Amino acid sequence: MSDISNESTTVPQPSLNNPIITDSSKISPTTLESHSVQITMISLNGDNFLRWSQSVRMYIRGRGKMGYLMGEKKAPAVDDPNYAIWDAENSW
């Protein structure tokens, strides 16, 4: 008899909601923001800019980044202690 079971097991896959990080000290805001995230299912073409841009705007607003794009979140002086935070948040 074999000790190997024929039952399949599901291995959790990492995602934005389930990053599978065992040490919570390794989690940072940029850890959870992935450049490979599909923002919208709408593929931009010559006929759907309005719909596509609304989806992208909704995603950006939901991530709290609209102020950076609209110029409302101004950069502090380079020698300001908050500059590094602003720079990291502004360059996602």
PDB file of N, CA and C in Angstrom:
ATOM      1  N   MET A   1       0.825  -1.187   0.000  1.00  0.00           N
ATOM      2  CA  MET A   1       0.000   0.000   0.000  1.00  0.00           C
ATOM      3  C   MET A   1       0.871   1.253   0.000  1.00  0.00           C
ATOM      4  N   SER A   2       0.402   2.271  -0.650  1.00  0.00           N
ATOM      5  CA  SER A   2       1.131   3.533  -0.741  1.00  0.00           C
ATOM      6  C   SER A   2       0.595   4.520   0.287  1.00  0.00           C
ATOM      7  N   ASP A   3       1.483   5.350   0.808  1.00  0.00           N
ATOM      8  CA  ASP A   3       1.074   6.374   1.760  1.00  0.00           C
ATOM      9  C   ASP A   3       0.599   7.644   1.055  1.00  0.00           C
ATOM     10  N   ILE A   4       0.696   7.694  -0.258  1.00  0.00           N
ATOM     11  CA  ILE A   4       0.315   8.878  -1.015  1.00  0.00           C
ATOM     12  C   ILE A   4      -1.174   8.841  -1.287  1.00  0.00           C
ATOM     13  N   SER A   5      -1.853   9.920  -0.959  1.00  0.00           N
ATOM     14  CA  SER A   5      -3.291  10.017  -1.150  1.00  0.00           C
ATOM     15  C   SER A   5      -3.585  10.469  -2.573  1.00  0.00           C
ATOM     16  N   ASN A   6      -4.696  10.010  -3.103  1.00  0.00           N
ATOM     17  CA  ASN A   6      -5.124  10.430  -4.433  1.00  0.00           C
ATOM     18  C   ASN A   6      -5.909  11.736  -4.385  1.00  0.00           C
ATOM     19  N   GLU A   7      -6.210  12.209  -3.179  1.00  0.00           N
ATOM     20  CA  GLU A   7      -6.965  13.444  -3.056  1.00  0.00           C
ATOM     21  C   GLU A   7      -6.068  14.630  -3.395  1.00  0.00           C
ATOM     22  N   SER A   8      -6.622  15.568  -4.143  1.00  0.00           N
ATOM     23  CA  SER A   8      -5.841  16.760  -4.476  1.00  0.00           C
ATOM     24  C   SER A   8      -6.040  17.804  -3.385  1.00  0.00           C
ATOM     25  N   THR A   9      -5.032  18.583  -3.180  1.00  0.00           N
ATOM     26  CA  THR A   9      -5.126  19.663  -2.207  1.00  0.00           C
ATOM     27  C   THR A   9      -4.977  20.985  -2.927  1.00  0.00           C
ATOM     28  N   THR A  10      -5.624  21.996  -2.391  1.00  0.00           N
ATOM     29  CA  THR A  10      -5.547  23.323  -2.974  1.00  0.00           C
ATOM     30  C   THR A  10      -4.521  24.134  -2.209  1.00  0.00           C
ATOM     31  N   VAL A  11      -3.563  24.641  -2.923  1.00  0.00           N
ATOM     32  CA  VAL A  11      -2.532  25.480  -2.322  1.00  0.00           C
ATOM     33  C   VAL A  11      -2.948  26.923  -2.529  1.00  0.00           C
ATOM     34  N   PRO A  12      -3.031  27.722  -1.439  1.00  0.00           N
ATOM     35  CA  PRO A  12      -3.430  29.120  -1.616  1.00  0.00           C
ATOM     36  C   PRO A  12      -2.449  29.866  -2.508  1.00  0.00           C
ATOM     37  N   GLN A  13      -2.983  30.681  -3.387  1.00  0.00           N
ATOM     38  CA  GLN A  13      -2.164  31.462  -4.301  1.00  0.00           C
ATOM     39  C   GLN A  13      -2.045  32.890  -3.784  1.00  0.00           C
ATOM     40  N   PRO A  14      -0.889  33.508  -3.903  1.00  0.00           N
ATOM     41  CA  PRO A  14      -0.751  34.892  -3.455  1.00  0.00           C
ATOM     42  C   PRO A  14      -1.577  35.834  -4.316  1.00  0.00           C
ATOM     43  N   SER A  15      -2.121  36.851  -3.699  1.00  0.00           N
ATOM     44  CA  SER A  15      -2.865  37.888  -4.398  1.00  0.00           C
ATOM     45  C   SER A  15      -2.791  39.148  -3.554  1.00  0.00           C
ATOM     46  N   LEU A  16      -3.399  40.227  -4.019  1.00  0.00           N
ATOM     47  CA  LEU A  16      -3.398  41.459  -3.230  1.00  0.00           C
ATOM     48  C   LEU A  16      -4.113  41.259  -1.905  1.00  0.00           C
ATOM     49  N   ASN A  17      -5.204  40.481  -1.909  1.00  0.00           N
ATOM     50  CA  ASN A  17      -5.951  40.243  -0.680  1.00  0.00           C
ATOM     51  C   ASN A  17      -5.347  39.134   0.156  1.00  0.00           C
ATOM     52  N   ASN A  18      -4.504  38.304  -0.412  1.00  0.00           N
ATOM     53  CA  ASN A  18      -3.901  37.171   0.274  1.00  0.00           C
ATOM     54  C   ASN A  18      -2.443  37.064  -0.161  1.00  0.00           C
ATOM     55  N   PRO A  19      -1.568  37.951   0.347  1.00  0.00           N
ATOM     56  CA  PRO A  19      -0.199  37.985  -0.158  1.00  0.00           C
ATOM     57  C   PRO A  19       0.690  36.828   0.287  1.00  0.00           C
ATOM     58  N   ILE A  20       0.248  35.983   1.221  1.00  0.00           N
ATOM     59  CA  ILE A  20       1.005  34.849   1.745  1.00  0.00           C
ATOM     60  C   ILE A  20       2.392  35.295   2.212  1.00  0.00           C
ATOM     61  N   ILE A  21       2.392  36.133   3.197  1.00  0.00           N
ATOM     62  CA  ILE A  21       3.624  36.570   3.842  1.00  0.00           C
ATOM     63  C   ILE A  21       3.526  36.118   5.289  1.00  0.00           C
ATOM     64  N   THR A  22       4.474  35.322   5.728  1.00  0.00           N
ATOM     65  CA  THR A  22       4.383  34.766   7.071  1.00  0.00           C
ATOM     66  C   THR A  22       4.861  35.733   8.137  1.00  0.00           C
ATOM     67  N   ASP A  23       5.720  36.638   7.819  1.00  0.00           N
ATOM     68  CA  ASP A  23       6.233  37.596   8.786  1.00  0.00           C
ATOM     69  C   ASP A  23       5.614  38.957   8.493  1.00  0.00           C
ATOM     70  N   SER A  24       4.704  39.405   9.370  1.00  0.00           N
ATOM     71  CA  SER A  24       3.989  40.649   9.106  1.00  0.00           C
ATOM     72  C   SER A  24       4.914  41.862   9.076  1.00  0.00           C
ATOM     73  N   SER A  25       6.109  41.754   9.624  1.00  0.00           N
ATOM     74  CA  SER A  25       7.030  42.893   9.582  1.00  0.00           C
ATOM     75  C   SER A  25       7.559  43.136   8.170  1.00  0.00           C
ATOM     76  N   LYS A  26       7.377  42.175   7.275  1.00  0.00           N
ATOM     77  CA  LYS A  26       7.860  42.324   5.899  1.00  0.00           C
ATOM     78  C   LYS A  26       6.838  43.008   4.997  1.00  0.00           C
ATOM     79  N   ILE A  27       5.651  43.289   5.526  1.00  0.00           N
ATOM     80  CA  ILE A  27       4.610  43.907   4.718  1.00  0.00           C
ATOM     81  C   ILE A  27       4.799  45.415   4.739  1.00  0.00           C
ATOM     82  N   SER A  28       4.839  46.010   3.576  1.00  0.00           N
ATOM     83  CA  SER A  28       4.894  47.461   3.459  1.00  0.00           C
ATOM     84  C   SER A  28       3.856  47.869   2.427  1.00  0.00           C
ATOM     85  N   PRO A  29       3.487  49.147   2.367  1.00  0.00           N
ATOM     86  CA  PRO A  29       2.499  49.560   1.365  1.00  0.00           C
ATOM     87  C   PRO A  29       2.898  49.174  -0.050  1.00  0.00           C
ATOM     88  N   THR A  30       4.173  49.229  -0.381  1.00  0.00           N
ATOM     89  CA  THR A  30       4.587  48.886  -1.737  1.00  0.00           C
ATOM     90  C   THR A  30       4.608  47.385  -1.961  1.00  0.00           C
ATOM     91  N   THR A  31       4.676  46.578  -0.880  1.00  0.00           N
ATOM     92  CA  THR A  31       4.628  45.126  -1.032  1.00  0.00           C
ATOM     93  C   THR A  31       3.293  44.704  -1.608  1.00  0.00           C
ATOM     94  N   LEU A  32       2.228  45.376  -1.182  1.00  0.00           N
ATOM     95  CA  LEU A  32       0.896  44.982  -1.597  1.00  0.00           C
ATOM     96  C   LEU A  32       0.478  45.598  -2.922  1.00  0.00           C
ATOM     97  N   GLU A  33       1.243  46.531  -3.436  1.00  0.00           N
ATOM     98  CA  GLU A  33       0.931  47.134  -4.719  1.00  0.00           C
ATOM     99  C   GLU A  33       1.780  46.478  -5.790  1.00  0.00           C
ATOM    100  N   SER A  34       1.127  45.801  -6.683  1.00  0.00           N
ATOM    101  CA  SER A  34       1.844  45.063  -7.704  1.00  0.00           C
ATOM    102  C   SER A  34       1.628  45.715  -9.060  1.00  0.00           C
ATOM    103  N   HIS A  35       2.677  45.801  -9.834  1.00  0.00           N
ATOM    104  CA  HIS A  35       2.555  46.373 -11.167  1.00  0.00           C
ATOM    105  C   HIS A  35       1.923  45.396 -12.150  1.00  0.00           C
ATOM    106  N   SER A  36       1.753  44.152 -11.744  1.00  0.00           N
ATOM    107  CA  SER A  36       1.155  43.175 -12.641  1.00  0.00           C
ATOM    108  C   SER A  36      -0.353  43.055 -12.437  1.00  0.00           C
ATOM    109  N   VAL A  37      -0.940  43.930 -11.647  1.00  0.00           N
ATOM    110  CA  VAL A  37      -2.375  43.901 -11.399  1.00  0.00           C
ATOM    111  C   VAL A  37      -3.102  44.412 -12.632  1.00  0.00           C
ATOM    112  N   GLN A  38      -4.132  43.700 -13.036  1.00  0.00           N
ATOM    113  CA  GLN A  38      -4.937  44.161 -14.156  1.00  0.00           C
ATOM    114  C   GLN A  38      -5.946  45.162 -13.613  1.00  0.00           C
ATOM    115  N   ILE A  39      -5.831  46.403 -14.004  1.00  0.00           N
ATOM    116  CA  ILE A  39      -6.669  47.478 -13.483  1.00  0.00           C
ATOM    117  C   ILE A  39      -8.095  47.361 -14.005  1.00  0.00           C
ATOM    118  N   THR A  40      -8.259  47.030 -15.256  1.00  0.00           N
ATOM    119  CA  THR A  40      -9.586  46.937 -15.851  1.00  0.00           C
ATOM    120  C   THR A  40      -9.610  45.823 -16.888  1.00  0.00           C
ATOM    121  N   MET A  41     -10.772  45.281 -17.102  1.00  0.00           N
ATOM    122  CA  MET A  41     -10.940  44.249 -18.128  1.00  0.00           C
ATOM    123  C   MET A  41     -11.110  44.888 -19.509  1.00  0.00           C
ATOM    124  N   ILE A  42     -11.286  46.196 -19.529  1.00  0.00           N
ATOM    125  CA  ILE A  42     -11.534  46.915 -20.773  1.00  0.00           C
ATOM    126  C   ILE A  42     -10.210  47.192 -21.476  1.00  0.00           C
ATOM    127  N   SER A  43     -10.063  46.677 -22.669  1.00  0.00           N
ATOM    128  CA  SER A  43      -8.867  46.956 -23.473  1.00  0.00           C
ATOM    129  C   SER A  43      -9.095  48.254 -24.235  1.00  0.00           C
ATOM    130  N   LEU A  44      -8.181  49.178 -24.080  1.00  0.00           N
ATOM    131  CA  LEU A  44      -8.316  50.477 -24.729  1.00  0.00           C
ATOM    132  C   LEU A  44      -8.208  50.322 -26.240  1.00  0.00           C
ATOM    133  N   ASN A  45      -9.169  50.904 -26.929  1.00  0.00           N
ATOM    134  CA  ASN A  45      -9.120  50.959 -28.389  1.00  0.00           C
ATOM    135  C   ASN A  45      -9.656  52.326 -28.818  1.00  0.00           C
ATOM    136  N   GLY A  46      -9.815  52.560 -30.063  1.00  0.00           N
ATOM    137  CA  GLY A  46     -10.248  53.865 -30.557  1.00  0.00           C
ATOM    138  C   GLY A  46     -11.690  54.215 -30.267  1.00  0.00           C
ATOM    139  N   ASP A  47     -12.473  53.271 -29.768  1.00  0.00           N
ATOM    140  CA  ASP A  47     -13.898  53.510 -29.570  1.00  0.00           C
ATOM    141  C   ASP A  47     -14.339  53.574 -28.111  1.00  0.00           C
ATOM    142  N   ASN A  48     -13.472  53.254 -27.166  1.00  0.00           N
ATOM    143  CA  ASN A  48     -13.947  53.125 -25.789  1.00  0.00           C
ATOM    144  C   ASN A  48     -13.138  53.916 -24.765  1.00  0.00           C
ATOM    145  N   PHE A  49     -12.538  55.015 -25.166  1.00  0.00           N
ATOM    146  CA  PHE A  49     -11.703  55.770 -24.233  1.00  0.00           C
ATOM    147  C   PHE A  49     -12.473  56.200 -22.992  1.00  0.00           C
ATOM    148  N   LEU A  50     -13.691  56.703 -23.147  1.00  0.00           N
ATOM    149  CA  LEU A  50     -14.452  57.190 -22.001  1.00  0.00           C
ATOM    150  C   LEU A  50     -14.669  56.074 -20.976  1.00  0.00           C
ATOM    151  N   ARG A  51     -15.134  54.933 -21.426  1.00  0.00           N
ATOM    152  CA  ARG A  51     -15.384  53.807 -20.513  1.00  0.00           C
ATOM    153  C   ARG A  51     -14.087  53.323 -19.865  1.00  0.00           C
ATOM    154  N   TRP A  52     -13.026  53.208 -20.659  1.00  0.00           N
ATOM    155  CA  TRP A  52     -11.729  52.772 -20.144  1.00  0.00           C
ATOM    156  C   TRP A  52     -11.198  53.763 -19.113  1.00  0.00           C
ATOM    157  N   SER A  53     -11.256  55.054 -19.432  1.00  0.00           N
ATOM    158  CA  SER A  53     -10.711  56.068 -18.521  1.00  0.00           C
ATOM    159  C   SER A  53     -11.500  56.130 -17.218  1.00  0.00           C
ATOM    160  N   GLN A  54     -12.805  55.890 -17.263  1.00  0.00           N
ATOM    161  CA  GLN A  54     -13.604  55.858 -16.035  1.00  0.00           C
ATOM    162  C   GLN A  54     -13.178  54.690 -15.148  1.00  0.00           C
ATOM    163  N   SER A  55     -12.899  53.556 -15.748  1.00  0.00           N
ATOM    164  CA  SER A  55     -12.438  52.396 -14.976  1.00  0.00           C
ATOM    165  C   SER A  55     -11.076  52.658 -14.349  1.00  0.00           C
ATOM    166  N   VAL A  56     -10.176  53.240 -15.115  1.00  0.00           N
ATOM    167  CA  VAL A  56      -8.834  53.536 -14.610  1.00  0.00           C
ATOM    168  C   VAL A  56      -8.910  54.584 -13.502  1.00  0.00           C
ATOM    169  N   ARG A  57      -9.714  55.603 -13.697  1.00  0.00           N
ATOM    170  CA  ARG A  57      -9.876  56.653 -12.681  1.00  0.00           C
ATOM    171  C   ARG A  57     -10.440  56.068 -11.387  1.00  0.00           C
ATOM    172  N   MET A  58     -11.413  55.179 -11.499  1.00  0.00           N
ATOM    173  CA  MET A  58     -12.001  54.551 -10.316  1.00  0.00           C
ATOM    174  C   MET A  58     -10.946  53.733  -9.567  1.00  0.00           C
ATOM    175  N   TYR A  59     -10.104  53.025 -10.296  1.00  0.00           N
ATOM    176  CA  TYR A  59      -9.038  52.240  -9.667  1.00  0.00           C
ATOM    177  C   TYR A  59      -8.042  53.154  -8.956  1.00  0.00           C
ATOM    178  N   ILE A  60      -7.608  54.197  -9.630  1.00  0.00           N
ATOM    179  CA  ILE A  60      -6.622  55.115  -9.051  1.00  0.00           C
ATOM    180  C   ILE A  60      -7.203  55.816  -7.827  1.00  0.00           C
ATOM    181  N   ARG A  61      -8.451  56.248  -7.911  1.00  0.00           N
ATOM    182  CA  ARG A  61      -9.090  56.896  -6.768  1.00  0.00           C
ATOM    183  C   ARG A  61      -9.201  55.920  -5.599  1.00  0.00           C
ATOM    184  N   GLY A  62      -9.533  54.675  -5.879  1.00  0.00           N
ATOM    185  CA  GLY A  62      -9.644  53.659  -4.838  1.00  0.00           C
ATOM    186  C   GLY A  62      -8.321  53.368  -4.150  1.00  0.00           C
ATOM    187  N   ARG A  63      -7.223  53.572  -4.841  1.00  0.00           N
ATOM    188  CA  ARG A  63      -5.894  53.367  -4.255  1.00  0.00           C
ATOM    189  C   ARG A  63      -5.388  54.621  -3.544  1.00  0.00           C
ATOM    190  N   GLY A  64      -6.175  55.701  -3.576  1.00  0.00           N
ATOM    191  CA  GLY A  64      -5.785  56.932  -2.900  1.00  0.00           C
ATOM    192  C   GLY A  64      -4.672  57.689  -3.602  1.00  0.00           C
ATOM    193  N   LYS A  65      -4.568  57.550  -4.913  1.00  0.00           N
ATOM    194  CA  LYS A  65      -3.460  58.164  -5.661  1.00  0.00           C
ATOM    195  C   LYS A  65      -3.895  59.319  -6.555  1.00  0.00           C
ATOM    196  N   MET A  66      -5.167  59.670  -6.553  1.00  0.00           N
ATOM    197  CA  MET A  66      -5.657  60.696  -7.466  1.00  0.00           C
ATOM    198  C   MET A  66      -4.970  62.046  -7.233  1.00  0.00           C
ATOM    199  N   GLY A  67      -4.687  62.385  -5.996  1.00  0.00           N
ATOM    200  CA  GLY A  67      -4.028  63.654  -5.687  1.00  0.00           C
ATOM    201  C   GLY A  67      -2.665  63.791  -6.340  1.00  0.00           C
ATOM    202  N   TYR A  68      -1.968  62.674  -6.506  1.00  0.00           N
ATOM    203  CA  TYR A  68      -0.659  62.710  -7.161  1.00  0.00           C
ATOM    204  C   TYR A  68      -0.817  63.014  -8.650  1.00  0.00           C
ATOM    205  N   LEU A  69      -1.817  62.427  -9.275  1.00  0.00           N
ATOM    206  CA  LEU A  69      -2.015  62.639 -10.712  1.00  0.00           C
ATOM    207  C   LEU A  69      -2.552  64.026 -11.025  1.00  0.00           C
ATOM    208  N   MET A  70      -3.410  64.532 -10.147  1.00  0.00           N
ATOM    209  CA  MET A  70      -4.037  65.823 -10.385  1.00  0.00           C
ATOM    210  C   MET A  70      -3.177  66.989  -9.894  1.00  0.00           C
ATOM    211  N   GLY A  71      -2.039  66.695  -9.276  1.00  0.00           N
ATOM    212  CA  GLY A  71      -1.150  67.741  -8.793  1.00  0.00           C
ATOM    213  C   GLY A  71      -1.586  68.349  -7.478  1.00  0.00           C
ATOM    214  N   GLU A  72      -2.571  67.745  -6.808  1.00  0.00           N
ATOM    215  CA  GLU A  72      -3.063  68.270  -5.534  1.00  0.00           C
ATOM    216  C   GLU A  72      -2.144  67.891  -4.377  1.00  0.00           C
ATOM    217  N   LYS A  73      -1.452  66.789  -4.500  1.00  0.00           N
ATOM    218  CA  LYS A  73      -0.535  66.313  -3.454  1.00  0.00           C
ATOM    219  C   LYS A  73       0.856  66.811  -3.832  1.00  0.00           C
ATOM    220  N   LYS A  74       1.204  67.969  -3.313  1.00  0.00           N
ATOM    221  CA  LYS A  74       2.468  68.621  -3.672  1.00  0.00           C
ATOM    222  C   LYS A  74       3.648  67.964  -2.964  1.00  0.00           C
ATOM    223  N   ALA A  75       4.766  67.951  -3.629  1.00  0.00           N
ATOM    224  CA  ALA A  75       5.989  67.389  -3.051  1.00  0.00           C
ATOM    225  C   ALA A  75       6.520  68.315  -1.969  1.00  0.00           C
ATOM    226  N   PRO A  76       6.869  67.747  -0.821  1.00  0.00           N
ATOM    227  CA  PRO A  76       7.538  68.574   0.185  1.00  0.00           C
ATOM    228  C   PRO A  76       8.969  68.864  -0.265  1.00  0.00           C
ATOM    229  N   ALA A  77       9.621  69.764   0.415  1.00  0.00           N
ATOM    230  CA  ALA A  77      11.020  70.075   0.098  1.00  0.00           C
ATOM    231  C   ALA A  77      11.862  68.813   0.235  1.00  0.00           C
ATOM    232  N   VAL A  78      12.889  68.691  -0.577  1.00  0.00           N
ATOM    233  CA  VAL A  78      13.730  67.491  -0.589  1.00  0.00           C
ATOM    234  C   VAL A  78      14.338  67.218   0.781  1.00  0.00           C
ATOM    235  N   ASP A  79      14.625  68.250   1.556  1.00  0.00           N
ATOM    236  CA  ASP A  79      15.206  68.038   2.886  1.00  0.00           C
ATOM    237  C   ASP A  79      14.146  67.808   3.968  1.00  0.00           C
ATOM    238  N   ASP A  80      12.871  67.832   3.606  1.00  0.00           N
ATOM    239  CA  ASP A  80      11.777  67.556   4.546  1.00  0.00           C
ATOM    240  C   ASP A  80      11.757  66.063   4.870  1.00  0.00           C
ATOM    241  N   PRO A  81      11.581  65.685   6.141  1.00  0.00           N
ATOM    242  CA  PRO A  81      11.532  64.258   6.504  1.00  0.00           C
ATOM    243  C   PRO A  81      10.407  63.491   5.798  1.00  0.00           C
ATOM    244  N   ASN A  82       9.355  64.183   5.379  1.00  0.00           N
ATOM    245  CA  ASN A  82       8.241  63.526   4.694  1.00  0.00           C
ATOM    246  C   ASN A  82       8.480  63.337   3.200  1.00  0.00           C
ATOM    247  N   TYR A  83       9.580  63.860   2.681  1.00  0.00           N
ATOM    248  CA  TYR A  83       9.839  63.750   1.243  1.00  0.00           C
ATOM    249  C   TYR A  83       9.983  62.291   0.799  1.00  0.00           C
ATOM    250  N   ALA A  84      10.679  61.483   1.572  1.00  0.00           N
ATOM    251  CA  ALA A  84      10.882  60.073   1.196  1.00  0.00           C
ATOM    252  C   ALA A  84       9.547  59.342   1.106  1.00  0.00           C
ATOM    253  N   ILE A  85       8.637  59.632   2.022  1.00  0.00           N
ATOM    254  CA  ILE A  85       7.305  59.008   1.994  1.00  0.00           C
ATOM    255  C   ILE A  85       6.555  59.464   0.754  1.00  0.00           C
ATOM    256  N   TRP A  86       6.564  60.776   0.500  1.00  0.00           N
ATOM    257  CA  TRP A  86       5.881  61.301  -0.678  1.00  0.00           C
ATOM    258  C   TRP A  86       6.446  60.672  -1.950  1.00  0.00           C
ATOM    259  N   ASP A  87       7.769  60.590  -2.041  1.00  0.00           N
ATOM    260  CA  ASP A  87       8.420  60.039  -3.229  1.00  0.00           C
ATOM    261  C   ASP A  87       8.033  58.575  -3.442  1.00  0.00           C
ATOM    262  N   ALA A  88       8.002  57.798  -2.381  1.00  0.00           N
ATOM    263  CA  ALA A  88       7.628  56.382  -2.498  1.00  0.00           C
ATOM    264  C   ALA A  88       6.174  56.233  -2.918  1.00  0.00           C
ATOM    265  N   GLU A  89       5.295  57.032  -2.342  1.00  0.00           N
ATOM    266  CA  GLU A  89       3.873  56.949  -2.682  1.00  0.00           C
ATOM    267  C   GLU A  89       3.595  57.474  -4.081  1.00  0.00           C
ATOM    268  N   ASN A  90       4.387  58.417  -4.547  1.00  0.00           N
ATOM    269  CA  ASN A  90       4.166  59.041  -5.845  1.00  0.00           C
ATOM    270  C   ASN A  90       4.743  58.224  -6.997  1.00  0.00           C
ATOM    271  N   SER A  91       5.515  57.206  -6.707  1.00  0.00           N
ATOM    272  CA  SER A  91       6.197  56.485  -7.787  1.00  0.00           C
ATOM    273  C   SER A  91       5.748  55.038  -7.920  1.00  0.00           C
ATOM    274  N   TRP A  92       4.521  54.765  -7.657  1.00  0.00           N
ATOM    275  CA  TRP A  92       4.045  53.377  -7.752  1.00  0.00           C
ATOM    276  C   TRP A  92       3.894  53.024  -9.172  1.00  0.00           C
TER     277      TRP A  92
END
